[in-house]
Amino acid sequence: MSTTTESRRQAPIADLNPAEKALINRLQHGLPLVRQPYAAVAEELDLSEQQVLDTVGKLLAEGVLTRFGPMFHAGELGGGLTLAAMRIPEADFERVTEQVNSFDEVAHNYRREHDLNMWFVLATETQAAIANTVSAIEDTTGYPVYNMPKEQEFHVHLHFPV
């Protein structure tokens, strides 16, 4: 479950040591598809496998990394995936954030400086479940959800060097 406001303290990039920076940069390109991927990354970075594992755990615990895990294409697995947005008054934002994030189907939730100020991704087991989840969120929050399903997929290899 993601939140729209960062609840964990994030270490400034300047506080990261060279090994942490190198590992973050390397992991943004994915893990190699080998029997021991962490060992392979460790070898590339001249670290031990245990150092890689411990560093990933530390970065997650400190909130430097907020998610680390596989990415699955829900649509190709028979599931549903959509981008959704809501227009939430500031006075109600935190309450609605908690309500939206209580749904297991909410994969990411971001606050935006826009008229539609809450954006989130819904991932469901079936395509039909998207409409049910949108309806349930509307019933729970009392606000409309703008469902924006993907029309075309683009692969952007986003990388943020640290």
Protein backbone atom coordinates (compact mmCIF):
# COMPACT_ATOMS: atom_id res chain seq x y z
CA MET A 1 0.00 0.00 0.00
CA SER A 2 1.42 3.39 -0.99
CA THR A 3 0.57 6.73 0.51
CA THR A 4 0.22 10.18 -0.95
CA THR A 5 2.38 11.71 1.73
CA GLU A 6 5.70 10.20 2.67
CA SER A 7 5.38 8.81 6.18
CA ARG A 8 8.92 7.48 6.48
CA ARG A 9 11.98 9.67 6.78
CA GLN A 10 13.97 9.62 3.57
CA ALA A 11 17.72 9.93 3.80
CA PRO A 12 19.07 12.69 1.56
CA ILE A 13 21.00 11.37 -1.42
CA ALA A 14 24.09 13.12 -0.02
CA ASP A 15 23.90 10.78 3.01
CA LEU A 16 24.17 7.66 0.87
CA ASN A 17 27.55 5.98 0.70
CA PRO A 18 29.13 5.11 -2.67
CA ALA A 19 28.07 1.44 -2.46
CA GLU A 20 24.44 2.42 -1.77
CA LYS A 21 24.43 4.83 -4.69
CA ALA A 22 25.99 2.26 -7.01
CA LEU A 23 23.45 -0.37 -5.93
CA ILE A 24 20.47 1.97 -6.44
CA ASN A 25 21.74 2.93 -9.89
CA ARG A 26 22.30 -0.73 -10.82
CA LEU A 27 18.96 -2.01 -9.52
CA GLN A 28 17.04 0.54 -11.58
CA HIS A 29 17.99 -1.55 -14.61
CA GLY A 30 16.53 -4.73 -13.12
CA LEU A 31 18.02 -7.94 -11.87
CA PRO A 32 19.75 -10.38 -14.22
CA LEU A 33 17.74 -13.50 -15.06
CA VAL A 34 20.18 -15.95 -13.54
CA ARG A 35 19.98 -18.52 -10.73
CA GLN A 36 21.57 -16.13 -8.18
CA PRO A 37 20.72 -12.58 -9.30
CA TYR A 38 21.91 -10.87 -6.12
CA ALA A 39 25.26 -12.61 -6.34
CA ALA A 40 25.60 -11.49 -9.96
CA VAL A 41 24.83 -7.86 -9.01
CA ALA A 42 27.25 -8.14 -6.10
CA GLU A 43 30.01 -9.33 -8.43
CA GLU A 44 29.35 -6.43 -10.82
CA LEU A 45 29.65 -3.94 -7.96
CA ASP A 46 32.56 -5.66 -6.16
CA LEU A 47 30.38 -6.40 -3.13
CA SER A 48 29.33 -9.60 -1.41
CA GLU A 49 25.88 -11.04 -1.97
CA GLN A 50 25.12 -10.45 1.72
CA GLN A 51 26.14 -6.78 1.38
CA VAL A 52 23.68 -6.38 -1.50
CA LEU A 53 20.86 -8.02 0.48
CA ASP A 54 21.62 -6.06 3.66
CA THR A 55 21.85 -2.78 1.75
CA VAL A 56 18.52 -3.32 0.00
CA GLY A 57 16.94 -4.08 3.39
CA LYS A 58 18.49 -0.98 4.94
CA LEU A 59 17.37 1.27 2.08
CA LEU A 60 13.82 -0.08 2.36
CA ALA A 61 13.77 0.36 6.15
CA GLU A 62 15.00 3.95 5.84
CA GLY A 63 12.46 4.82 3.14
CA VAL A 64 15.12 5.53 0.51
CA LEU A 65 13.52 2.72 -1.50
CA THR A 66 9.76 2.58 -1.09
CA ARG A 67 9.20 -0.56 -3.15
CA PHE A 68 11.42 -3.37 -4.32
CA GLY A 69 9.94 -6.34 -6.11
CA PRO A 70 8.85 -7.81 -9.41
CA MET A 71 6.69 -5.95 -11.88
CA PHE A 72 3.94 -8.03 -13.45
CA HIS A 73 1.83 -7.09 -16.45
CA ALA A 74 -1.65 -7.55 -14.96
CA GLY A 75 -3.42 -7.42 -18.32
CA GLU A 76 -1.37 -10.23 -19.79
CA LEU A 77 -2.10 -12.33 -16.71
CA GLY A 78 -5.85 -11.87 -17.18
CA GLY A 79 -6.16 -9.07 -14.66
CA GLY A 80 -7.19 -5.46 -14.88
CA LEU A 81 -5.01 -2.38 -14.59
CA THR A 82 -6.03 1.26 -14.79
CA LEU A 83 -5.01 4.75 -13.79
CA ALA A 84 -7.57 6.62 -11.73
CA ALA A 85 -7.86 10.14 -10.37
CA MET A 86 -10.00 12.03 -7.91
CA ARG A 87 -10.70 15.65 -7.04
CA ILE A 88 -10.47 15.87 -3.25
CA PRO A 89 -10.86 19.06 -1.18
CA GLU A 90 -7.79 19.76 0.96
CA ALA A 91 -9.78 19.47 4.20
CA ASP A 92 -10.78 15.90 3.29
CA PHE A 93 -7.56 14.77 1.63
CA GLU A 94 -6.02 12.75 4.47
CA ARG A 95 -9.28 10.94 5.28
CA VAL A 96 -9.83 10.00 1.64
CA THR A 97 -6.19 8.95 1.28
CA GLU A 98 -6.62 6.44 4.11
CA GLN A 99 -9.87 5.18 2.63
CA VAL A 100 -8.47 4.76 -0.89
CA ASN A 101 -5.31 3.10 0.42
CA SER A 102 -7.38 0.60 2.41
CA PHE A 103 -8.27 -1.12 -0.87
CA ASP A 104 -5.89 -3.97 -1.70
CA GLU A 105 -6.34 -3.14 -5.39
CA VAL A 106 -4.61 0.26 -4.99
CA ALA A 107 -1.04 -0.23 -6.14
CA HIS A 108 0.24 3.37 -6.01
CA ASN A 109 -1.32 6.59 -4.78
CA TYR A 110 0.17 10.00 -5.50
CA ARG A 111 -0.77 13.55 -4.61
CA ARG A 112 -0.57 15.93 -7.58
CA GLU A 113 -0.69 19.69 -7.88
CA HIS A 114 -3.66 19.64 -10.24
CA ASP A 115 -7.44 20.00 -10.12
CA LEU A 116 -7.46 16.20 -10.02
CA ASN A 117 -5.13 16.03 -7.03
CA MET A 118 -5.17 12.31 -6.17
CA TRP A 119 -3.94 9.77 -8.72
CA PHE A 120 -3.65 6.05 -8.17
CA VAL A 121 -3.23 2.78 -10.01
CA LEU A 122 -5.74 -0.03 -9.61
CA ALA A 123 -4.67 -3.61 -10.25
CA THR A 124 -7.33 -6.32 -10.07
CA GLU A 125 -7.54 -10.04 -10.71
CA THR A 126 -9.98 -9.54 -13.58
CA GLN A 127 -10.72 -6.68 -15.96
CA ALA A 128 -14.35 -6.62 -14.74
CA ALA A 129 -13.20 -6.04 -11.17
CA ILE A 130 -11.91 -2.56 -12.11
CA ALA A 131 -15.46 -1.18 -12.38
CA ASN A 132 -16.44 -2.85 -9.10
CA THR A 133 -13.43 -1.37 -7.31
CA VAL A 134 -14.03 2.11 -8.75
CA SER A 135 -17.63 1.91 -7.56
CA ALA A 136 -16.59 0.71 -4.09
CA ILE A 137 -14.08 3.57 -3.74
CA GLU A 138 -16.76 6.07 -4.76
CA ASP A 139 -19.20 4.57 -2.24
CA THR A 140 -16.59 4.61 0.53
CA THR A 141 -15.23 8.12 -0.07
CA GLY A 142 -18.28 9.92 -1.39
CA TYR A 143 -16.24 11.32 -4.31
CA PRO A 144 -16.23 10.36 -7.99
CA VAL A 145 -13.34 8.38 -9.42
CA TYR A 146 -12.16 9.18 -12.95
CA ASN A 147 -11.13 5.91 -14.56
CA MET A 148 -8.48 6.33 -17.28
CA PRO A 149 -7.67 2.93 -18.77
CA LYS A 150 -4.63 2.54 -20.96
CA GLU A 151 -5.26 2.97 -24.66
CA GLN A 152 -1.72 2.34 -25.79
CA GLU A 153 1.34 1.08 -23.95
CA PHE A 154 4.71 2.78 -24.11
CA HIS A 155 7.88 1.36 -22.63
CA VAL A 156 9.88 4.13 -21.02
CA HIS A 157 13.12 3.04 -19.44
CA LEU A 158 13.14 5.57 -16.65
CA HIS A 159 16.33 5.89 -14.63
CA PHE A 160 17.14 8.36 -11.86
CA PRO A 161 20.91 8.36 -11.34
CA VAL A 162 22.02 9.03 -7.77
